[in-house]
Amino acid sequence: MNVTAGTPLHHVQGNVAPLRMQRRNRKTSPISTPFRFPANMVEIDAPYRHAELFYLQKQIQSQTPMVIVMEDGELVEGCIEWYDRNTLKIRGRWKTLVYKSAIKYMYKLGDTGRQAVNP
């Protein structure tokens, strides 16, 4: 490892003090930036998030039977037990944990005038 030192000036409460800077030459590959999930980033669409949370809380309290259509077309039927930032827990035939990012859309069972197909 090769270390070189420079002495740029740094002002601290009116005094001038030297600040050591180190430069390292690494023979390994550069470190890539860490992957961040969209849920961890600052949310720009906060009003939509509040509407989503209000809707989910209402469905949990009323124990409304829901149909959740997944991105791949699979249907999950049941009541929402709880939710967090990234997932929903559905209680139906089985207790299922569903990622919100995998949901295409959801509706109340019977809202479309037809019953959902059981898997």
N, C-alpha and C. Protein backbone atom coordinates (compact mmCIF):
# COMPACT_ATOMS: atom_id res chain seq x y z
N MET A 1 0.86 -1.17 0.00
CA MET A 1 0.00 0.00 0.00
C MET A 1 0.90 1.23 0.00
N ASN A 2 0.60 2.14 -0.88
CA ASN A 2 1.39 3.35 -1.03
C ASN A 2 0.63 4.51 -0.41
N VAL A 3 1.23 5.21 0.56
CA VAL A 3 0.57 6.32 1.24
C VAL A 3 1.39 7.58 1.01
N THR A 4 0.70 8.62 0.52
CA THR A 4 1.36 9.91 0.38
C THR A 4 0.59 10.91 1.22
N ALA A 5 1.31 11.86 1.77
CA ALA A 5 0.66 12.84 2.65
C ALA A 5 0.79 14.23 2.05
N GLY A 6 -0.30 14.97 2.11
CA GLY A 6 -0.30 16.36 1.69
C GLY A 6 -0.68 17.20 2.88
N THR A 7 -0.48 18.50 2.80
CA THR A 7 -0.83 19.35 3.93
C THR A 7 -1.65 20.54 3.47
N PRO A 8 -2.91 20.31 3.08
CA PRO A 8 -3.75 21.46 2.77
C PRO A 8 -4.11 22.20 4.05
N LEU A 9 -4.49 23.45 3.93
CA LEU A 9 -4.82 24.26 5.09
C LEU A 9 -6.28 24.11 5.44
N HIS A 10 -6.53 24.07 6.71
CA HIS A 10 -7.89 23.91 7.21
C HIS A 10 -8.11 24.97 8.30
N HIS A 11 -9.15 25.76 8.17
CA HIS A 11 -9.41 26.83 9.13
C HIS A 11 -10.25 26.30 10.28
N VAL A 12 -9.77 26.44 11.50
CA VAL A 12 -10.50 26.02 12.69
C VAL A 12 -10.57 27.21 13.63
N GLN A 13 -11.74 27.80 13.79
CA GLN A 13 -11.99 28.94 14.66
C GLN A 13 -10.93 30.03 14.50
N GLY A 14 -10.65 30.40 13.27
CA GLY A 14 -9.71 31.49 13.01
C GLY A 14 -8.27 31.05 12.95
N ASN A 15 -7.93 29.87 13.46
CA ASN A 15 -6.55 29.38 13.41
C ASN A 15 -6.37 28.55 12.14
N VAL A 16 -5.17 28.55 11.63
CA VAL A 16 -4.86 27.76 10.46
C VAL A 16 -4.12 26.52 10.95
N ALA A 17 -4.67 25.35 10.67
CA ALA A 17 -4.05 24.10 11.12
C ALA A 17 -3.87 23.17 9.93
N PRO A 18 -2.74 22.46 9.86
CA PRO A 18 -2.55 21.52 8.75
C PRO A 18 -3.45 20.30 8.92
N LEU A 19 -3.92 19.78 7.81
CA LEU A 19 -4.79 18.61 7.80
C LEU A 19 -4.14 17.56 6.92
N ARG A 20 -3.89 16.42 7.45
CA ARG A 20 -3.22 15.36 6.69
C ARG A 20 -4.26 14.62 5.85
N MET A 21 -3.92 14.44 4.62
CA MET A 21 -4.79 13.68 3.71
C MET A 21 -4.00 12.46 3.26
N GLN A 22 -4.66 11.35 3.19
CA GLN A 22 -4.01 10.14 2.74
C GLN A 22 -4.59 9.70 1.42
N ARG A 23 -3.72 9.22 0.56
CA ARG A 23 -4.15 8.71 -0.73
C ARG A 23 -3.68 7.26 -0.81
N ARG A 24 -4.58 6.38 -1.11
CA ARG A 24 -4.25 4.97 -1.14
C ARG A 24 -4.42 4.44 -2.55
N ASN A 25 -3.46 3.72 -2.98
CA ASN A 25 -3.56 3.01 -4.25
C ASN A 25 -3.87 1.56 -3.95
N ARG A 26 -5.02 1.10 -4.38
CA ARG A 26 -5.42 -0.27 -4.11
C ARG A 26 -5.29 -1.10 -5.37
N LYS A 27 -4.88 -2.30 -5.18
CA LYS A 27 -4.74 -3.20 -6.31
C LYS A 27 -6.00 -4.03 -6.52
N THR A 28 -6.97 -3.90 -5.64
CA THR A 28 -8.23 -4.61 -5.80
C THR A 28 -9.17 -3.79 -6.66
N SER A 29 -10.27 -4.40 -7.05
CA SER A 29 -11.24 -3.71 -7.88
C SER A 29 -11.91 -2.60 -7.07
N PRO A 30 -12.37 -1.55 -7.73
CA PRO A 30 -13.02 -0.45 -6.99
C PRO A 30 -14.32 -0.93 -6.36
N ILE A 31 -14.63 -0.34 -5.24
CA ILE A 31 -15.84 -0.70 -4.51
C ILE A 31 -17.03 -0.08 -5.22
N SER A 32 -18.02 -0.91 -5.53
CA SER A 32 -19.22 -0.39 -6.17
C SER A 32 -20.15 0.20 -5.12
N THR A 33 -21.02 1.06 -5.55
CA THR A 33 -21.97 1.65 -4.62
C THR A 33 -22.97 0.59 -4.19
N PRO A 34 -23.42 0.62 -2.94
CA PRO A 34 -24.35 -0.41 -2.46
C PRO A 34 -25.71 -0.26 -3.14
N PHE A 35 -26.36 -1.40 -3.34
CA PHE A 35 -27.70 -1.40 -3.94
C PHE A 35 -28.69 -0.98 -2.87
N ARG A 36 -29.59 -0.10 -3.24
CA ARG A 36 -30.62 0.34 -2.30
C ARG A 36 -31.98 0.04 -2.88
N PHE A 37 -32.84 -0.51 -2.03
CA PHE A 37 -34.21 -0.77 -2.45
C PHE A 37 -34.96 0.55 -2.52
N PRO A 38 -35.90 0.67 -3.44
CA PRO A 38 -36.66 1.92 -3.54
C PRO A 38 -37.35 2.31 -2.24
N ALA A 39 -37.71 1.34 -1.41
CA ALA A 39 -38.38 1.65 -0.14
C ALA A 39 -37.44 2.37 0.82
N ASN A 40 -36.13 2.21 0.67
CA ASN A 40 -35.18 2.86 1.56
C ASN A 40 -34.84 4.27 1.13
N MET A 41 -35.21 4.66 -0.05
CA MET A 41 -34.90 5.99 -0.55
C MET A 41 -35.93 7.00 -0.02
N VAL A 42 -35.60 8.24 -0.11
CA VAL A 42 -36.52 9.29 0.32
C VAL A 42 -37.73 9.27 -0.61
N GLU A 43 -38.87 9.24 -0.01
CA GLU A 43 -40.08 9.13 -0.82
C GLU A 43 -40.55 10.49 -1.29
N ILE A 44 -40.74 10.58 -2.58
CA ILE A 44 -41.24 11.81 -3.18
C ILE A 44 -42.76 11.82 -3.16
N ASP A 45 -43.36 10.64 -3.28
CA ASP A 45 -44.82 10.54 -3.37
C ASP A 45 -45.44 10.22 -2.01
N ALA A 46 -45.15 11.00 -1.00
CA ALA A 46 -45.66 10.78 0.36
C ALA A 46 -47.19 10.79 0.44
N PRO A 47 -47.91 11.67 -0.27
CA PRO A 47 -49.37 11.62 -0.18
C PRO A 47 -49.95 10.29 -0.66
N TYR A 48 -49.35 9.69 -1.68
CA TYR A 48 -49.83 8.40 -2.15
C TYR A 48 -49.55 7.32 -1.11
N ARG A 49 -48.45 7.43 -0.43
CA ARG A 49 -48.08 6.47 0.62
C ARG A 49 -49.10 6.53 1.75
N HIS A 50 -49.50 7.73 2.14
CA HIS A 50 -50.49 7.87 3.21
C HIS A 50 -51.84 7.30 2.78
N ALA A 51 -52.22 7.50 1.53
CA ALA A 51 -53.47 6.94 1.03
C ALA A 51 -53.42 5.42 1.03
N GLU A 52 -52.28 4.86 0.64
CA GLU A 52 -52.11 3.41 0.65
C GLU A 52 -52.24 2.85 2.06
N LEU A 53 -51.58 3.49 3.03
CA LEU A 53 -51.63 3.02 4.41
C LEU A 53 -53.04 3.13 4.99
N PHE A 54 -53.74 4.19 4.66
CA PHE A 54 -55.12 4.36 5.13
C PHE A 54 -56.01 3.26 4.56
N TYR A 55 -55.86 2.96 3.26
CA TYR A 55 -56.66 1.93 2.61
C TYR A 55 -56.38 0.56 3.23
N LEU A 56 -55.12 0.23 3.43
CA LEU A 56 -54.77 -1.07 4.01
C LEU A 56 -55.31 -1.20 5.43
N GLN A 57 -55.18 -0.14 6.23
CA GLN A 57 -55.67 -0.18 7.60
C GLN A 57 -57.18 -0.38 7.64
N LYS A 58 -57.89 0.26 6.73
CA LYS A 58 -59.34 0.11 6.66
C LYS A 58 -59.73 -1.33 6.32
N GLN A 59 -59.00 -1.94 5.39
CA GLN A 59 -59.30 -3.32 4.99
C GLN A 59 -58.97 -4.30 6.12
N ILE A 60 -57.94 -4.02 6.89
CA ILE A 60 -57.58 -4.88 8.02
C ILE A 60 -58.66 -4.81 9.09
N GLN A 61 -59.11 -3.61 9.42
CA GLN A 61 -60.10 -3.44 10.48
C GLN A 61 -61.44 -4.07 10.12
N SER A 62 -61.84 -3.98 8.86
CA SER A 62 -63.13 -4.53 8.45
C SER A 62 -63.05 -5.98 8.01
N GLN A 63 -61.82 -6.57 8.00
CA GLN A 63 -61.60 -7.95 7.57
C GLN A 63 -62.25 -8.24 6.21
N THR A 64 -62.03 -7.34 5.27
CA THR A 64 -62.58 -7.45 3.92
C THR A 64 -61.87 -8.54 3.14
N PRO A 65 -62.60 -9.50 2.56
CA PRO A 65 -61.96 -10.49 1.67
C PRO A 65 -61.43 -9.79 0.42
N MET A 66 -60.16 -9.99 0.13
CA MET A 66 -59.50 -9.32 -0.98
C MET A 66 -58.97 -10.34 -1.98
N VAL A 67 -58.81 -9.89 -3.22
CA VAL A 67 -58.14 -10.66 -4.25
C VAL A 67 -56.92 -9.84 -4.67
N ILE A 68 -55.76 -10.45 -4.60
CA ILE A 68 -54.52 -9.78 -4.97
C ILE A 68 -54.01 -10.44 -6.24
N VAL A 69 -53.87 -9.64 -7.28
CA VAL A 69 -53.37 -10.14 -8.56
C VAL A 69 -51.88 -9.83 -8.61
N MET A 70 -51.09 -10.89 -8.78
CA MET A 70 -49.64 -10.74 -8.81
C MET A 70 -49.18 -10.37 -10.22
N GLU A 71 -47.95 -9.90 -10.34
CA GLU A 71 -47.38 -9.52 -11.64
C GLU A 71 -47.42 -10.66 -12.65
N ASP A 72 -47.25 -11.90 -12.17
CA ASP A 72 -47.25 -13.05 -13.08
C ASP A 72 -48.65 -13.60 -13.36
N GLY A 73 -49.69 -12.94 -12.83
CA GLY A 73 -51.07 -13.33 -13.09
C GLY A 73 -51.68 -14.22 -12.02
N GLU A 74 -50.91 -14.66 -11.06
CA GLU A 74 -51.43 -15.51 -9.99
C GLU A 74 -52.37 -14.70 -9.10
N LEU A 75 -53.42 -15.35 -8.61
CA LEU A 75 -54.38 -14.70 -7.72
C LEU A 75 -54.18 -15.22 -6.30
N VAL A 76 -54.13 -14.32 -5.35
CA VAL A 76 -54.06 -14.67 -3.94
C VAL A 76 -55.31 -14.10 -3.29
N GLU A 77 -56.06 -14.98 -2.64
CA GLU A 77 -57.33 -14.58 -2.06
C GLU A 77 -57.27 -14.68 -0.54
N GLY A 78 -57.81 -13.68 0.16
CA GLY A 78 -57.85 -13.71 1.61
C GLY A 78 -57.96 -12.33 2.20
N CYS A 79 -57.89 -12.28 3.53
CA CYS A 79 -57.95 -11.01 4.26
C CYS A 79 -56.54 -10.57 4.62
N ILE A 80 -56.34 -9.28 4.62
CA ILE A 80 -55.03 -8.74 4.99
C ILE A 80 -54.94 -8.75 6.51
N GLU A 81 -53.93 -9.43 7.05
CA GLU A 81 -53.73 -9.47 8.50
C GLU A 81 -52.90 -8.30 8.98
N TRP A 82 -51.79 -8.04 8.32
CA TRP A 82 -50.93 -6.91 8.65
C TRP A 82 -50.09 -6.55 7.44
N TYR A 83 -49.41 -5.41 7.55
CA TYR A 83 -48.55 -4.95 6.47
C TYR A 83 -47.35 -4.24 7.08
N ASP A 84 -46.32 -4.12 6.31
CA ASP A 84 -45.21 -3.24 6.67
C ASP A 84 -44.78 -2.52 5.40
N ARG A 85 -43.62 -1.94 5.41
CA ARG A 85 -43.17 -1.12 4.29
C ARG A 85 -43.09 -1.89 2.98
N ASN A 86 -42.72 -3.18 3.03
CA ASN A 86 -42.48 -3.94 1.82
C ASN A 86 -43.40 -5.13 1.59
N THR A 87 -44.16 -5.54 2.59
CA THR A 87 -44.92 -6.78 2.47
C THR A 87 -46.34 -6.66 3.02
N LEU A 88 -47.17 -7.63 2.61
CA LEU A 88 -48.52 -7.81 3.16
C LEU A 88 -48.61 -9.25 3.64
N LYS A 89 -49.28 -9.48 4.75
CA LYS A 89 -49.55 -10.84 5.21
C LYS A 89 -51.02 -11.10 4.95
N ILE A 90 -51.29 -12.13 4.13
CA ILE A 90 -52.65 -12.45 3.72
C ILE A 90 -53.08 -13.74 4.42
N ARG A 91 -54.25 -13.73 5.04
CA ARG A 91 -54.82 -14.92 5.66
C ARG A 91 -55.97 -15.40 4.80
N GLY A 92 -55.78 -16.53 4.15
CA GLY A 92 -56.80 -17.15 3.32
C GLY A 92 -56.78 -18.63 3.59
N ARG A 93 -56.68 -19.43 2.52
CA ARG A 93 -56.49 -20.86 2.72
C ARG A 93 -55.20 -21.12 3.47
N TRP A 94 -54.17 -20.34 3.14
CA TRP A 94 -52.87 -20.40 3.80
C TRP A 94 -52.51 -18.98 4.21
N LYS A 95 -51.63 -18.89 5.16
CA LYS A 95 -51.08 -17.57 5.50
C LYS A 95 -49.92 -17.32 4.55
N THR A 96 -50.00 -16.22 3.82
CA THR A 96 -49.04 -15.93 2.76
C THR A 96 -48.43 -14.56 2.98
N LEU A 97 -47.13 -14.47 2.82
CA LEU A 97 -46.42 -13.20 2.88
C LEU A 97 -46.14 -12.76 1.45
N VAL A 98 -46.64 -11.60 1.05
CA VAL A 98 -46.55 -11.13 -0.33
C VAL A 98 -45.75 -9.84 -0.36
N TYR A 99 -44.74 -9.79 -1.24
CA TYR A 99 -44.01 -8.54 -1.44
C TYR A 99 -44.89 -7.55 -2.20
N LYS A 100 -44.93 -6.31 -1.75
CA LYS A 100 -45.73 -5.28 -2.43
C LYS A 100 -45.24 -5.04 -3.85
N SER A 101 -43.95 -5.19 -4.07
CA SER A 101 -43.40 -4.97 -5.41
C SER A 101 -43.87 -6.03 -6.41
N ALA A 102 -44.37 -7.17 -5.93
CA ALA A 102 -44.85 -8.25 -6.81
C ALA A 102 -46.35 -8.14 -7.10
N ILE A 103 -47.02 -7.16 -6.49
CA ILE A 103 -48.47 -7.00 -6.67
C ILE A 103 -48.74 -6.12 -7.88
N LYS A 104 -49.59 -6.62 -8.76
CA LYS A 104 -50.01 -5.83 -9.92
C LYS A 104 -51.15 -4.91 -9.50
N TYR A 105 -52.19 -5.49 -8.91
CA TYR A 105 -53.29 -4.71 -8.34
C TYR A 105 -54.08 -5.61 -7.39
N MET A 106 -54.99 -5.01 -6.63
CA MET A 106 -55.85 -5.77 -5.73
C MET A 106 -57.24 -5.16 -5.72
N TYR A 107 -58.21 -5.99 -5.39
CA TYR A 107 -59.58 -5.51 -5.30
C TYR A 107 -60.33 -6.34 -4.27
N LYS A 108 -61.48 -5.80 -3.83
CA LYS A 108 -62.32 -6.51 -2.87
C LYS A 108 -63.00 -7.67 -3.58
N LEU A 109 -63.08 -8.81 -2.92
CA LEU A 109 -63.73 -9.98 -3.49
C LEU A 109 -65.19 -9.66 -3.78
N GLY A 110 -65.61 -9.83 -5.01
CA GLY A 110 -66.98 -9.54 -5.40
C GLY A 110 -67.17 -8.17 -6.02
N ASP A 111 -66.17 -7.29 -6.01
CA ASP A 111 -66.30 -5.95 -6.58
C ASP A 111 -66.44 -5.95 -8.09
N THR A 112 -65.83 -6.91 -8.77
CA THR A 112 -65.86 -6.91 -10.21
C THR A 112 -67.07 -7.65 -10.78
N GLY A 113 -67.95 -8.14 -9.92
CA GLY A 113 -69.13 -8.85 -10.38
C GLY A 113 -68.88 -10.32 -10.63
N ARG A 114 -67.67 -10.78 -10.38
CA ARG A 114 -67.36 -12.20 -10.53
C ARG A 114 -66.51 -12.63 -9.34
N GLN A 115 -66.57 -13.91 -9.03
CA GLN A 115 -65.75 -14.44 -7.96
C GLN A 115 -64.37 -14.77 -8.48
N ALA A 116 -63.38 -14.59 -7.65
CA ALA A 116 -61.99 -14.91 -8.05
C ALA A 116 -61.82 -16.42 -8.10
N VAL A 117 -60.97 -16.87 -8.97
CA VAL A 117 -60.68 -18.29 -9.13
C VAL A 117 -59.75 -18.71 -8.00
N ASN A 118 -60.10 -19.79 -7.32
CA ASN A 118 -59.24 -20.31 -6.26
C ASN A 118 -58.05 -21.02 -6.87
N PRO A 119 -56.86 -20.85 -6.31
CA PRO A 119 -55.68 -21.53 -6.89
C PRO A 119 -55.69 -23.02 -6.67
